[in-house]
């Protein structure tokens, strides 16, 4: 089977990470893959903020947990976070950002890195603290948080995929 198709079938969300950072070359390759995601009319509405700083990573995790109304780490101990944002002024921004998230997770799988899409990026970015974080990094514009792609090495292997539902595909010939 084609290697790309194997990656697409084997990727699973990782929900337990080891603390060590992934190698810079792997991180850059994953990010690069995200930048090559398809986007509506080629507008490239998304932006990726790569967070390898422990203090900011922990701050984002705490903000995400606050949206949930819970304590704990919704990033499952992942040491690195790629925050995907997209420009709300582009009509396809949510789809564009979602494709970036998919590319990031599939590239991570191809390189032996665990990943998981963590929701609530929109709520986190829309807080005053979230807006301040963006401004401190020079990010301006009408951006919405699409997702947090958490990355790291798996502390335990994700389980087997669930069987595909029988009515997933209908053919019209």
C-alpha atoms as a PDB file:
ATOM      1  CA  UNK A   1       0.000   0.000   0.000  1.00  0.00           C
ATOM      2  CA  UNK A   2       1.137   3.556  -0.656  1.00  0.00           C
ATOM      3  CA  UNK A   3       2.951   5.121   2.338  1.00  0.00           C
ATOM      4  CA  UNK A   4       0.669   8.172   2.385  1.00  0.00           C
ATOM      5  CA  UNK A   5      -2.420   5.985   2.526  1.00  0.00           C
ATOM      6  CA  UNK A   6      -0.871   3.938   5.350  1.00  0.00           C
ATOM      7  CA  UNK A   7      -0.308   7.130   7.359  1.00  0.00           C
ATOM      8  CA  UNK A   8      -3.898   8.242   6.783  1.00  0.00           C
ATOM      9  CA  UNK A   9      -5.175   4.897   8.091  1.00  0.00           C
ATOM     10  CA  UNK A  10      -2.786   4.594  11.037  1.00  0.00           C
ATOM     11  CA  UNK A  11      -3.007   8.097  12.538  1.00  0.00           C
ATOM     12  CA  UNK A  12      -4.794   8.179  15.887  1.00  0.00           C
ATOM     13  CA  UNK A  13      -5.194  10.910  18.470  1.00  0.00           C
ATOM     14  CA  UNK A  14      -2.576  10.668  21.207  1.00  0.00           C
ATOM     15  CA  UNK A  15      -3.809  11.446  24.707  1.00  0.00           C
ATOM     16  CA  UNK A  16      -0.691  10.711  26.772  1.00  0.00           C
ATOM     17  CA  UNK A  17       2.649  12.350  25.984  1.00  0.00           C
ATOM     18  CA  UNK A  18       6.218  12.115  27.219  1.00  0.00           C
ATOM     19  CA  UNK A  19       7.686  15.475  28.312  1.00  0.00           C
ATOM     20  CA  UNK A  20      10.601  15.760  25.866  1.00  0.00           C
ATOM     21  CA  UNK A  21      10.416  18.152  22.928  1.00  0.00           C
ATOM     22  CA  UNK A  22      10.480  16.724  19.433  1.00  0.00           C
ATOM     23  CA  UNK A  23      13.504  17.405  17.268  1.00  0.00           C
ATOM     24  CA  UNK A  24      13.518  20.818  15.602  1.00  0.00           C
ATOM     25  CA  UNK A  25      13.831  19.263  12.115  1.00  0.00           C
ATOM     26  CA  UNK A  26      10.689  17.192  12.699  1.00  0.00           C
ATOM     27  CA  UNK A  27       8.788  20.172  14.082  1.00  0.00           C
ATOM     28  CA  UNK A  28       9.758  22.275  11.062  1.00  0.00           C
ATOM     29  CA  UNK A  29       8.703  19.487   8.677  1.00  0.00           C
ATOM     30  CA  UNK A  30       5.318  19.169  10.404  1.00  0.00           C
ATOM     31  CA  UNK A  31       4.763  22.933  10.271  1.00  0.00           C
ATOM     32  CA  UNK A  32       5.808  23.037   6.618  1.00  0.00           C
ATOM     33  CA  UNK A  33       3.250  20.344   5.810  1.00  0.00           C
ATOM     34  CA  UNK A  34       0.603  22.511   7.466  1.00  0.00           C
ATOM     35  CA  UNK A  35       1.499  25.448   5.242  1.00  0.00           C
ATOM     36  CA  UNK A  36       0.842  23.328   2.157  1.00  0.00           C
ATOM     37  CA  UNK A  37      -2.765  22.532   3.055  1.00  0.00           C
ATOM     38  CA  UNK A  38      -5.295  23.410   0.396  1.00  0.00           C
ATOM     39  CA  UNK A  39      -7.115  26.700   0.912  1.00  0.00           C
ATOM     40  CA  UNK A  40     -10.098  28.296  -0.761  1.00  0.00           C
ATOM     41  CA  UNK A  41      -8.985  30.168  -3.878  1.00  0.00           C
ATOM     42  CA  UNK A  42      -5.395  29.813  -2.655  1.00  0.00           C
ATOM     43  CA  UNK A  43      -5.965  32.654  -0.147  1.00  0.00           C
ATOM     44  CA  UNK A  44      -3.980  30.904   2.609  1.00  0.00           C
ATOM     45  CA  UNK A  45      -6.201  32.311   5.356  1.00  0.00           C
ATOM     46  CA  UNK A  46      -4.603  30.267   8.192  1.00  0.00           C
ATOM     47  CA  UNK A  47      -1.660  31.095  10.412  1.00  0.00           C
ATOM     48  CA  UNK A  48       0.272  28.742  12.701  1.00  0.00           C
ATOM     49  CA  UNK A  49       1.739  29.846  16.017  1.00  0.00           C
ATOM     50  CA  UNK A  50       4.322  27.268  17.123  1.00  0.00           C
ATOM     51  CA  UNK A  51       4.557  27.192  20.914  1.00  0.00           C
ATOM     52  CA  UNK A  52       7.597  25.416  22.338  1.00  0.00           C
ATOM     53  CA  UNK A  53       7.935  27.760  25.317  1.00  0.00           C
ATOM     54  CA  UNK A  54       6.815  25.858  28.444  1.00  0.00           C
ATOM     55  CA  UNK A  55       5.378  28.933  30.180  1.00  0.00           C
ATOM     56  CA  UNK A  56       3.190  29.933  27.230  1.00  0.00           C
ATOM     57  CA  UNK A  57       2.208  26.307  26.598  1.00  0.00           C
ATOM     58  CA  UNK A  58       1.049  26.021  30.227  1.00  0.00           C
ATOM     59  CA  UNK A  59      -0.793  29.343  30.004  1.00  0.00           C
ATOM     60  CA  UNK A  60      -2.682  28.202  26.894  1.00  0.00           C
ATOM     61  CA  UNK A  61      -3.504  24.902  28.578  1.00  0.00           C
ATOM     62  CA  UNK A  62      -4.882  26.701  31.637  1.00  0.00           C
ATOM     63  CA  UNK A  63      -6.956  29.005  29.430  1.00  0.00           C
ATOM     64  CA  UNK A  64      -8.331  25.998  27.557  1.00  0.00           C
ATOM     65  CA  UNK A  65      -9.169  24.251  30.833  1.00  0.00           C
ATOM     66  CA  UNK A  66     -10.959  27.396  32.044  1.00  0.00           C
ATOM     67  CA  UNK A  67     -13.208  27.289  28.968  1.00  0.00           C
ATOM     68  CA  UNK A  68     -14.097  23.721  29.985  1.00  0.00           C
ATOM     69  CA  UNK A  69     -14.672  24.831  33.569  1.00  0.00           C
ATOM     70  CA  UNK A  70     -12.161  22.225  34.756  1.00  0.00           C
ATOM     71  CA  UNK A  71      -8.697  21.903  36.204  1.00  0.00           C
ATOM     72  CA  UNK A  72      -6.027  19.714  34.718  1.00  0.00           C
ATOM     73  CA  UNK A  73      -4.224  19.710  31.408  1.00  0.00           C
ATOM     74  CA  UNK A  74      -6.479  19.416  28.357  1.00  0.00           C
ATOM     75  CA  UNK A  75      -3.273  19.129  26.274  1.00  0.00           C
ATOM     76  CA  UNK A  76      -2.555  15.683  27.801  1.00  0.00           C
ATOM     77  CA  UNK A  77       0.984  16.650  28.764  1.00  0.00           C
ATOM     78  CA  UNK A  78       2.038  17.382  25.175  1.00  0.00           C
ATOM     79  CA  UNK A  79       5.133  19.572  25.320  1.00  0.00           C
ATOM     80  CA  UNK A  80       4.453  21.487  22.112  1.00  0.00           C
ATOM     81  CA  UNK A  81       1.371  23.176  20.684  1.00  0.00           C
ATOM     82  CA  UNK A  82       0.675  24.483  17.207  1.00  0.00           C
ATOM     83  CA  UNK A  83      -2.148  27.003  17.436  1.00  0.00           C
ATOM     84  CA  UNK A  84      -3.953  27.259  14.108  1.00  0.00           C
ATOM     85  CA  UNK A  85      -5.755  30.515  13.446  1.00  0.00           C
ATOM     86  CA  UNK A  86      -7.512  31.662  10.295  1.00  0.00           C
ATOM     87  CA  UNK A  87      -8.570  35.038   8.969  1.00  0.00           C
ATOM     88  CA  UNK A  88     -12.315  35.489   9.469  1.00  0.00           C
ATOM     89  CA  UNK A  89     -12.421  37.869   6.494  1.00  0.00           C
ATOM     90  CA  UNK A  90     -11.887  34.945   4.084  1.00  0.00           C
ATOM     91  CA  UNK A  91     -15.162  33.032   3.497  1.00  0.00           C
ATOM     92  CA  UNK A  92     -13.454  29.615   3.623  1.00  0.00           C
ATOM     93  CA  UNK A  93     -11.378  30.274   6.754  1.00  0.00           C
ATOM     94  CA  UNK A  94     -12.798  27.470   8.938  1.00  0.00           C
ATOM     95  CA  UNK A  95     -12.319  24.880   6.189  1.00  0.00           C
ATOM     96  CA  UNK A  96      -8.849  26.220   5.399  1.00  0.00           C
ATOM     97  CA  UNK A  97      -7.768  26.015   9.028  1.00  0.00           C
ATOM     98  CA  UNK A  98      -9.250  22.533   9.381  1.00  0.00           C
ATOM     99  CA  UNK A  99      -7.209  21.347   6.420  1.00  0.00           C
ATOM    100  CA  UNK A 100      -4.068  22.767   8.052  1.00  0.00           C
ATOM    101  CA  UNK A 101      -4.900  20.824  11.226  1.00  0.00           C
ATOM    102  CA  UNK A 102      -5.295  17.627   9.197  1.00  0.00           C
ATOM    103  CA  UNK A 103      -1.988  18.142   7.422  1.00  0.00           C
ATOM    104  CA  UNK A 104      -0.215  18.802  10.729  1.00  0.00           C
ATOM    105  CA  UNK A 105      -1.552  15.625  12.326  1.00  0.00           C
ATOM    106  CA  UNK A 106      -0.851  13.440   9.298  1.00  0.00           C
ATOM    107  CA  UNK A 107       2.688  14.814   8.944  1.00  0.00           C
ATOM    108  CA  UNK A 108       3.286  14.154  12.648  1.00  0.00           C
ATOM    109  CA  UNK A 109       2.182  10.539  12.193  1.00  0.00           C
ATOM    110  CA  UNK A 110       4.488  10.119   9.209  1.00  0.00           C
ATOM    111  CA  UNK A 111       7.412  11.269  11.397  1.00  0.00           C
ATOM    112  CA  UNK A 112       6.570   9.135  14.435  1.00  0.00           C
ATOM    113  CA  UNK A 113       5.215  12.045  16.479  1.00  0.00           C
ATOM    114  CA  UNK A 114       1.956  11.851  18.410  1.00  0.00           C
ATOM    115  CA  UNK A 115      -0.703  14.516  17.903  1.00  0.00           C
ATOM    116  CA  UNK A 116      -4.211  15.442  18.918  1.00  0.00           C
ATOM    117  CA  UNK A 117      -6.641  18.166  17.847  1.00  0.00           C
ATOM    118  CA  UNK A 118      -7.739  20.051  20.938  1.00  0.00           C
ATOM    119  CA  UNK A 119     -10.825  22.197  20.506  1.00  0.00           C
ATOM    120  CA  UNK A 120     -11.697  25.515  22.175  1.00  0.00           C
ATOM    121  CA  UNK A 121      -9.038  27.507  20.317  1.00  0.00           C
ATOM    122  CA  UNK A 122     -11.733  29.972  19.216  1.00  0.00           C
ATOM    123  CA  UNK A 123     -12.845  30.561  22.791  1.00  0.00           C
ATOM    124  CA  UNK A 124      -9.244  30.896  24.021  1.00  0.00           C
ATOM    125  CA  UNK A 125      -8.205  33.333  21.279  1.00  0.00           C
ATOM    126  CA  UNK A 126     -11.350  35.413  21.781  1.00  0.00           C
ATOM    127  CA  UNK A 127     -10.533  36.125  25.451  1.00  0.00           C
ATOM    128  CA  UNK A 128      -8.756  39.337  26.412  1.00  0.00           C
ATOM    129  CA  UNK A 129      -5.759  37.233  27.454  1.00  0.00           C
ATOM    130  CA  UNK A 130      -5.828  35.373  24.132  1.00  0.00           C
ATOM    131  CA  UNK A 131      -5.911  38.633  22.193  1.00  0.00           C
ATOM    132  CA  UNK A 132      -3.026  39.943  24.305  1.00  0.00           C
ATOM    133  CA  UNK A 133      -0.953  36.849  23.514  1.00  0.00           C
ATOM    134  CA  UNK A 134      -1.481  37.449  19.800  1.00  0.00           C
ATOM    135  CA  UNK A 135      -0.650  41.151  20.074  1.00  0.00           C
ATOM    136  CA  UNK A 136       2.539  40.391  22.036  1.00  0.00           C
ATOM    137  CA  UNK A 137       3.676  38.294  19.090  1.00  0.00           C
ATOM    138  CA  UNK A 138       2.790  40.971  16.548  1.00  0.00           C
ATOM    139  CA  UNK A 139      -0.248  39.129  15.237  1.00  0.00           C
ATOM    140  CA  UNK A 140      -2.890  41.541  14.049  1.00  0.00           C
ATOM    141  CA  UNK A 141      -6.009  40.938  12.034  1.00  0.00           C
ATOM    142  CA  UNK A 142      -9.385  39.337  12.322  1.00  0.00           C
ATOM    143  CA  UNK A 143      -8.257  35.839  13.334  1.00  0.00           C
ATOM    144  CA  UNK A 144     -10.285  33.004  14.829  1.00  0.00           C
ATOM    145  CA  UNK A 145      -8.736  30.082  16.650  1.00  0.00           C
ATOM    146  CA  UNK A 146      -9.399  26.892  14.697  1.00  0.00           C
ATOM    147  CA  UNK A 147      -7.598  24.339  16.849  1.00  0.00           C
ATOM    148  CA  UNK A 148      -4.666  23.484  19.050  1.00  0.00           C
ATOM    149  CA  UNK A 149      -2.555  20.727  17.504  1.00  0.00           C
ATOM    150  CA  UNK A 150      -0.682  19.261  20.446  1.00  0.00           C
ATOM    151  CA  UNK A 151       2.507  17.379  19.609  1.00  0.00           C
ATOM    152  CA  UNK A 152       4.995  15.116  21.326  1.00  0.00           C
ATOM    153  CA  UNK A 153       6.108  11.548  21.687  1.00  0.00           C
ATOM    154  CA  UNK A 154       3.441   9.141  22.866  1.00  0.00           C
ATOM    155  CA  UNK A 155       3.703   7.881  26.440  1.00  0.00           C
ATOM    156  CA  UNK A 156       1.523   4.964  25.367  1.00  0.00           C
ATOM    157  CA  UNK A 157       0.399   3.793  21.987  1.00  0.00           C
ATOM    158  CA  UNK A 158      -3.073   4.872  20.899  1.00  0.00           C
ATOM    159  CA  UNK A 159      -5.577   2.060  20.525  1.00  0.00           C
ATOM    160  CA  UNK A 160      -6.680   0.413  17.327  1.00  0.00           C
ATOM    161  CA  UNK A 161      -9.045   2.347  15.090  1.00  0.00           C
ATOM    162  CA  UNK A 162     -12.743   1.845  15.514  1.00  0.00           C
ATOM    163  CA  UNK A 163     -14.305  -0.166  12.704  1.00  0.00           C
ATOM    164  CA  UNK A 164     -15.607   2.073   9.947  1.00  0.00           C
ATOM    165  CA  UNK A 165     -19.388   2.342   9.989  1.00  0.00           C
ATOM    166  CA  UNK A 166     -21.099   0.346   7.222  1.00  0.00           C
ATOM    167  CA  UNK A 167     -22.967   3.327   5.730  1.00  0.00           C
ATOM    168  CA  UNK A 168     -19.928   5.639   5.538  1.00  0.00           C
ATOM    169  CA  UNK A 169     -19.947   5.729   1.729  1.00  0.00           C
ATOM    170  CA  UNK A 170     -22.758   5.620  -0.807  1.00  0.00           C
ATOM    171  CA  UNK A 171     -21.855   5.137  -4.440  1.00  0.00           C
ATOM    172  CA  UNK A 172     -23.876   6.767  -7.178  1.00  0.00           C
ATOM    173  CA  UNK A 173     -22.904   5.302 -10.556  1.00  0.00           C
END
